[in-house]
C-alpha cells in the first residue's frame, strides 16, 4: 500500500471518541467555509494478503501490579496474596486474534520499556493462535522492569527487524503511562512514512492502546494526528496514516484495532446513503456501500445518518469541530 505525502493546512481535524457501532472510526475535517468533510470506517476485519502481526506489552515498573507482581519474591506467595494479573487474559485474547489474522498464523510478541531507562526490548517469541491461549504473560525475565517508557525501540524492532521484509504488517503497542521519547517517535514516524511513500519499504500499521488512568491521551493524539503535518494518501487517493490510538476503557470490540485498515474497494452492503442532520441526502452509494466512507456535510451539521438495507444508524458529531 504505497502512500504519498501531500499538504493541506486548511482543515481542522477532530477524531470522534465515541462511535456508534458499526463505525470503527469517524474523523471530521472542518473547512474554511464551515462545511465538514467526514471520513468514516465501518468496523470489520480486513483480508490482507501476506499480513504479519506483532504485539508489544509495556514492561515498565508501573505495570508490575497489572501483571500480578507484588513486592514478594515468590510468584506463589504473590498469587496467594491475591494480586491479580489483569494483563495476561487480555494479552492472550489479543495475541490469539492477531495470530489468526496473520498470513502465517503466528503473532510476534515482545515486552518493551524494559531496563534502567526503559529503552530495552525483550522478545517473548512468535506463537500460533492455539499456543498463546495458554501462554504465561507475567512480565520480563531477562531484562529488568523499566524505569522509563520509551516507544522508539519497540517501534524500530518491528519496522527494521521483525517486519523489515513483510509485505504488510500491523504492530499493536500496549502502555499504561507517559511516553518519554514522543518527539523521537514522531521524527522516526515521518522518516518511516517517507520510506513507504518512496516504496523503499512496505506498509506497516501502528496502533497504540492505552490502559489505566495514567495514560496521556494527548500524546497518543499527537501521534494519531501526524497527518495534520503530513497527510498521507495511498495509490488510490485514500487517506492513510501510520498511527492509530485507542483507549482500552473505550474499546468495545477487538476489531477496533483495524478501524483505519479499510478501503473504498471493500463493499460491506449492496447499497446505502448518507443523510445530514436535516434529513437531506448528501451522498448515495447505489453500487455498494464501502467500508471507507467519504462525504461532505453542510455548515452547522451536528450529526449524520447512514441508511442501508434493513436499518439506519445516526452518528452525532456535536462538539467535534
Protein backbone atom coordinates (compact mmCIF):
# COMPACT_ATOMS: atom_id res chain seq x y z
CA UNK A 1 0.00 0.00 0.00
CA UNK A 2 2.29 2.83 -1.19
CA UNK A 3 1.46 6.24 0.25
CA UNK A 4 2.21 9.73 -0.96
CA UNK A 5 2.75 12.81 1.15
CA UNK A 6 0.70 15.93 0.49
CA UNK A 7 -0.04 19.10 2.41
CA UNK A 8 -3.42 20.52 3.43
CA UNK A 9 -3.29 23.22 6.08
CA UNK A 10 -6.88 24.47 5.67
CA UNK A 11 -8.57 21.63 7.52
CA UNK A 12 -9.22 21.26 11.25
CA UNK A 13 -9.27 17.60 12.23
CA UNK A 14 -11.33 16.05 15.02
CA UNK A 15 -11.49 12.33 15.69
CA UNK A 16 -14.66 11.31 17.50
CA UNK A 17 -14.08 9.47 20.76
CA UNK A 18 -17.50 7.77 20.79
CA UNK A 19 -18.59 6.00 17.64
CA UNK A 20 -21.90 4.23 17.16
CA UNK A 21 -21.50 0.63 16.00
CA UNK A 22 -20.72 -0.40 13.28
CA UNK A 23 -18.47 2.65 12.82
CA UNK A 24 -14.90 1.88 13.79
CA UNK A 25 -13.64 5.44 13.47
CA UNK A 26 -15.10 8.79 12.45
CA UNK A 27 -12.94 11.79 11.54
CA UNK A 28 -14.38 15.24 10.90
CA UNK A 29 -12.46 17.87 8.92
CA UNK A 30 -13.93 21.36 9.22
CA UNK A 31 -13.32 23.51 6.14
CA UNK A 32 -12.87 27.28 5.96
CA UNK A 33 -16.40 27.69 4.58
CA UNK A 34 -17.91 25.85 7.56
CA UNK A 35 -18.70 22.63 5.72
CA UNK A 36 -17.45 19.39 7.26
CA UNK A 37 -15.68 16.59 5.42
CA UNK A 38 -16.28 13.21 7.04
CA UNK A 39 -14.05 10.16 6.70
CA UNK A 40 -15.58 7.19 8.48
CA UNK A 41 -14.77 3.49 8.58
CA UNK A 42 -17.11 0.59 9.13
CA UNK A 43 -15.86 -1.93 11.68
CA UNK A 44 -14.63 -5.11 10.04
CA UNK A 45 -11.63 -7.41 9.79
CA UNK A 46 -9.75 -6.77 6.53
CA UNK A 47 -8.39 -9.53 4.33
CA UNK A 48 -4.80 -8.55 3.59
CA UNK A 49 -2.51 -10.93 1.74
CA UNK A 50 0.82 -11.62 3.44
CA UNK A 51 -0.04 -9.78 6.67
CA UNK A 52 2.35 -10.04 9.64
CA UNK A 53 1.32 -9.10 13.17
CA UNK A 54 3.04 -8.05 16.38
CA UNK A 55 2.03 -7.32 19.96
CA UNK A 56 4.24 -5.25 22.29
CA UNK A 57 3.45 -5.21 26.01
CA UNK A 58 4.62 -2.41 28.30
CA UNK A 59 7.04 -3.74 30.94
CA UNK A 60 7.78 -0.50 32.77
CA UNK A 61 7.80 -0.68 36.57
CA UNK A 62 4.39 0.98 36.82
CA UNK A 63 2.89 -2.06 35.06
CA UNK A 64 4.02 -4.55 37.71
CA UNK A 65 0.73 -4.65 39.56
CA UNK A 66 -1.18 -5.19 36.33
CA UNK A 67 0.92 -8.30 35.72
CA UNK A 68 0.12 -9.50 39.25
CA UNK A 69 3.64 -8.84 40.52
CA UNK A 70 3.82 -7.82 44.17
CA UNK A 71 6.77 -6.98 46.39
CA UNK A 72 7.03 -10.64 47.37
CA UNK A 73 9.89 -12.64 45.91
CA UNK A 74 7.92 -15.78 45.05
CA UNK A 75 5.10 -15.63 42.46
CA UNK A 76 3.41 -18.36 44.51
CA UNK A 77 3.12 -16.08 47.55
CA UNK A 78 2.15 -13.17 45.34
CA UNK A 79 -0.71 -15.24 43.97
CA UNK A 80 -1.74 -16.24 47.47
CA UNK A 81 -1.75 -12.58 48.42
CA UNK A 82 -4.46 -12.02 45.81
CA UNK A 83 -2.55 -9.85 43.34
CA UNK A 84 -4.43 -10.39 40.03
CA UNK A 85 -2.72 -10.50 36.64
CA UNK A 86 -5.06 -8.40 34.52
CA UNK A 87 -2.66 -8.20 31.58
CA UNK A 88 -2.44 -11.93 30.84
CA UNK A 89 -6.04 -12.69 29.80
CA UNK A 90 -6.31 -9.55 27.68
CA UNK A 91 -2.92 -10.12 26.04
CA UNK A 92 -3.80 -13.76 25.31
CA UNK A 93 -7.05 -12.75 23.63
CA UNK A 94 -5.41 -10.01 21.58
CA UNK A 95 -2.44 -12.20 20.61
CA UNK A 96 -4.72 -15.06 19.53
CA UNK A 97 -6.74 -12.63 17.42
CA UNK A 98 -3.63 -11.20 15.76
CA UNK A 99 -2.21 -14.68 15.16
CA UNK A 100 -5.43 -15.73 13.45
CA UNK A 101 -5.30 -12.64 11.21
CA UNK A 102 -1.65 -13.13 10.21
CA UNK A 103 -0.90 -14.88 6.94
CA UNK A 104 1.43 -17.36 8.67
CA UNK A 105 -0.96 -17.85 11.60
CA UNK A 106 1.53 -16.50 14.14
CA UNK A 107 1.98 -13.35 16.21
CA UNK A 108 5.34 -11.86 17.22
CA UNK A 109 5.27 -10.82 20.90
CA UNK A 110 7.68 -8.65 22.88
CA UNK A 111 7.96 -6.76 26.15
CA UNK A 112 9.08 -3.14 25.82
CA UNK A 113 10.05 -0.29 28.15
CA UNK A 114 12.44 -2.65 29.94
CA UNK A 115 15.79 -1.79 31.55
CA UNK A 116 17.15 1.13 33.60
CA UNK A 117 15.92 3.82 31.21
CA UNK A 118 13.02 1.92 29.61
CA UNK A 119 14.82 1.52 26.29
CA UNK A 120 15.22 -2.27 26.22
CA UNK A 121 13.09 -4.80 24.33
CA UNK A 122 12.73 -8.43 25.39
CA UNK A 123 11.45 -10.94 22.85
CA UNK A 124 8.72 -13.24 24.13
CA UNK A 125 8.53 -15.24 20.91
CA UNK A 126 6.44 -15.93 17.82
CA UNK A 127 3.41 -18.09 18.55
CA UNK A 128 0.42 -19.67 16.77
CA UNK A 129 -3.11 -18.98 17.96
CA UNK A 130 -3.54 -22.19 19.99
CA UNK A 131 -0.26 -21.60 21.87
CA UNK A 132 -0.95 -18.07 23.08
CA UNK A 133 -4.22 -19.13 24.71
CA UNK A 134 -2.19 -20.80 27.47
CA UNK A 135 0.94 -18.64 27.32
CA UNK A 136 2.25 -17.28 30.64
CA UNK A 137 2.43 -13.50 30.40
CA UNK A 138 3.95 -12.28 33.65
CA UNK A 139 6.49 -9.66 32.58
CA UNK A 140 10.15 -9.64 31.51
CA UNK A 141 12.53 -12.40 32.57
CA UNK A 142 15.89 -11.32 31.13
CA UNK A 143 15.55 -7.56 31.37
CA UNK A 144 14.61 -5.51 34.43
CA UNK A 145 11.30 -3.71 34.72
CA UNK A 146 11.82 -0.33 33.08
CA UNK A 147 12.34 2.98 34.86
CA UNK A 148 11.02 4.83 31.81
CA UNK A 149 8.68 4.30 28.86
CA UNK A 150 10.43 4.62 25.51
CA UNK A 151 8.38 3.69 22.44
CA UNK A 152 11.05 4.14 19.76
CA UNK A 153 12.96 0.87 20.49
CA UNK A 154 9.95 -1.46 20.01
CA UNK A 155 8.84 0.59 17.01
CA UNK A 156 12.26 0.13 15.41
CA UNK A 157 12.25 -3.56 16.37
CA UNK A 158 9.10 -4.21 14.36
CA UNK A 159 9.88 -1.82 11.49
CA UNK A 160 13.54 -2.72 11.00
CA UNK A 161 13.88 -6.28 12.29
CA UNK A 162 10.75 -8.38 12.70
CA UNK A 163 8.79 -6.97 9.76
CA UNK A 164 11.52 -5.49 7.57
CA UNK A 165 10.59 -7.76 4.65
CA UNK A 166 6.89 -8.27 5.40
CA UNK A 167 4.53 -7.36 2.51
CA UNK A 168 2.19 -5.70 5.05
CA UNK A 169 2.27 -5.54 8.85
CA UNK A 170 0.40 -4.30 11.89
CA UNK A 171 2.03 -3.77 15.29
CA UNK A 172 0.00 -3.14 18.44
CA UNK A 173 1.64 -1.42 21.43
CA UNK A 174 0.04 -1.53 24.89
CA UNK A 175 1.07 1.05 27.51
CA UNK A 176 -0.11 2.47 30.82
CA UNK A 177 1.99 5.61 31.04
CA UNK A 178 3.53 8.71 29.57
CA UNK A 179 5.97 8.30 26.68
CA UNK A 180 9.46 9.64 27.40
CA UNK A 181 10.51 9.87 23.75
CA UNK A 182 7.46 11.23 21.95
CA UNK A 183 9.38 13.68 19.76
CA UNK A 184 11.84 10.98 18.70
CA UNK A 185 8.95 8.69 17.80
CA UNK A 186 7.29 11.44 15.76
CA UNK A 187 10.52 12.14 13.85
CA UNK A 188 11.05 8.45 13.17
CA UNK A 189 7.44 8.07 12.01
CA UNK A 190 7.95 10.87 9.49
CA UNK A 191 11.06 9.13 8.13
CA UNK A 192 9.20 5.82 8.01
CA UNK A 193 6.30 7.39 6.12
CA UNK A 194 8.67 8.86 3.55
CA UNK A 195 10.34 5.49 3.04
CA UNK A 196 6.95 3.90 2.41
CA UNK A 197 5.94 6.71 0.08
CA UNK A 198 9.14 6.24 -1.91
CA UNK A 199 8.50 2.47 -1.99
CA UNK A 200 11.71 1.76 -0.12
CA UNK A 201 9.78 -0.37 2.35
CA UNK A 202 6.32 -1.91 2.70
CA UNK A 203 3.42 -0.52 4.71
CA UNK A 204 3.19 -1.02 8.47
CA UNK A 205 0.19 0.00 10.58
CA UNK A 206 0.89 1.07 14.18
CA UNK A 207 -1.74 1.01 16.92
CA UNK A 208 -1.14 2.41 20.42
CA UNK A 209 -3.52 1.18 23.12
CA UNK A 210 -3.63 2.99 26.44
CA UNK A 211 -4.63 1.22 29.67
CA UNK A 212 -5.12 2.68 33.15
CA UNK A 213 -5.63 6.20 34.41
CA UNK A 214 -2.05 7.44 33.94
CA UNK A 215 -2.14 7.32 30.14
CA UNK A 216 -1.53 10.65 28.44
CA UNK A 217 -4.14 10.66 25.67
CA UNK A 218 -2.78 13.98 24.46
CA UNK A 219 0.46 12.26 23.49
CA UNK A 220 -1.45 9.46 21.79
CA UNK A 221 -3.44 12.00 19.80
CA UNK A 222 -0.25 13.74 18.67
CA UNK A 223 0.89 10.51 17.04
CA UNK A 224 -2.55 9.83 15.62
CA UNK A 225 -2.78 13.38 14.24
CA UNK A 226 0.55 13.33 12.41
CA UNK A 227 -1.39 13.54 9.10
CA UNK A 228 -2.15 17.16 10.07
CA UNK A 229 1.53 17.75 9.48
CA UNK A 230 2.00 15.09 6.82
CA UNK A 231 -1.16 13.91 5.17
CA UNK A 232 -0.57 10.54 3.54
CA UNK A 233 -2.54 9.09 0.65
CA UNK A 234 -2.30 5.65 -0.87
CA UNK A 235 -2.08 4.96 -4.58
CA UNK A 236 -5.87 5.18 -4.94
CA UNK A 237 -6.00 8.55 -3.18
CA UNK A 238 -7.37 7.12 0.09
CA UNK A 239 -6.27 8.84 3.31
CA UNK A 240 -3.78 6.61 5.06
CA UNK A 241 -1.57 7.20 8.09
CA UNK A 242 0.70 5.04 10.17
CA UNK A 243 -0.56 5.58 13.74
CA UNK A 244 -3.94 4.97 15.31
CA UNK A 245 -4.70 5.12 19.03
CA UNK A 246 -7.31 3.56 21.30
CA UNK A 247 -8.16 3.72 24.98
CA UNK A 248 -8.78 0.24 26.34
CA UNK A 249 -11.57 1.58 28.56
CA UNK A 250 -13.49 2.73 25.47
CA UNK A 251 -12.89 -0.28 23.22
CA UNK A 252 -15.98 -2.41 22.67
CA UNK A 253 -14.55 -4.94 20.24
CA UNK A 254 -11.03 -6.10 19.44
CA UNK A 255 -11.78 -5.48 15.75
CA UNK A 256 -11.32 -1.79 16.52
CA UNK A 257 -7.57 -2.17 16.09
CA UNK A 258 -8.35 -2.42 12.36
CA UNK A 259 -10.52 0.72 12.36
CA UNK A 260 -8.22 2.51 9.91
CA UNK A 261 -7.22 -0.51 7.84
CA UNK A 262 -10.05 -0.45 5.30
CA UNK A 263 -10.55 0.93 1.80
CA UNK A 264 -13.26 2.10 -0.58
CA UNK A 265 -12.75 -1.09 -2.56
CA UNK A 266 -14.23 -3.25 0.21
CA UNK A 267 -18.03 -3.43 -0.09
CA UNK A 268 -19.98 -4.25 3.08
CA UNK A 269 -23.57 -3.83 1.83
CA UNK A 270 -25.38 -3.71 -1.50
CA UNK A 271 -26.26 -0.05 -1.19
CA UNK A 272 -26.59 2.83 1.23
CA UNK A 273 -26.86 6.58 1.57
CA UNK A 274 -25.83 9.37 3.93
CA UNK A 275 -28.30 11.95 5.28
CA UNK A 276 -27.35 15.15 7.08
CA UNK A 277 -28.94 16.24 10.38
CA UNK A 278 -31.84 17.80 8.47
CA UNK A 279 -32.61 14.56 6.64
CA UNK A 280 -31.21 15.67 3.30
CA UNK A 281 -29.24 13.17 1.25
CA UNK A 282 -25.58 14.18 0.91
CA UNK A 283 -24.25 11.05 -0.76
CA UNK A 284 -25.68 7.86 -2.21
CA UNK A 285 -23.84 4.55 -2.61
CA UNK A 286 -26.06 2.85 -5.17
CA UNK A 287 -23.41 0.44 -6.41
CA UNK A 288 -22.38 -0.80 -2.99
CA UNK A 289 -21.64 0.58 0.49
CA UNK A 290 -17.85 0.67 1.04
CA UNK A 291 -16.03 0.09 4.34
CA UNK A 292 -14.42 3.52 3.96
CA UNK A 293 -16.93 6.36 3.65
CA UNK A 294 -16.14 9.88 2.47
CA UNK A 295 -18.73 12.64 2.23
CA UNK A 296 -19.34 16.33 2.96
CA UNK A 297 -21.84 17.74 5.46
CA UNK A 298 -23.22 21.28 5.21
CA UNK A 299 -22.28 24.05 7.65
CA UNK A 300 -23.97 23.68 11.04
CA UNK A 301 -24.39 19.89 10.86
CA UNK A 302 -24.24 18.11 14.22
CA UNK A 303 -24.96 14.53 13.07
CA UNK A 304 -25.33 12.28 10.06
CA UNK A 305 -27.34 9.15 9.35
CA UNK A 306 -26.23 6.08 7.42
CA UNK A 307 -29.15 4.26 5.81
CA UNK A 308 -28.62 0.74 4.44
CA UNK A 309 -30.87 -2.20 3.53
CA UNK A 310 -32.60 -3.27 6.72
CA UNK A 311 -31.68 -0.40 9.00
CA UNK A 312 -30.14 3.00 9.73
CA UNK A 313 -27.62 4.46 12.19
CA UNK A 314 -27.22 8.04 13.37
CA UNK A 315 -23.80 9.31 14.47
CA UNK A 316 -23.50 12.54 16.42
CA UNK A 317 -20.62 14.90 15.65
CA UNK A 318 -21.83 17.61 18.05
CA UNK A 319 -18.89 19.48 19.54
CA UNK A 320 -16.37 17.62 17.39
CA UNK A 321 -15.41 20.61 15.23
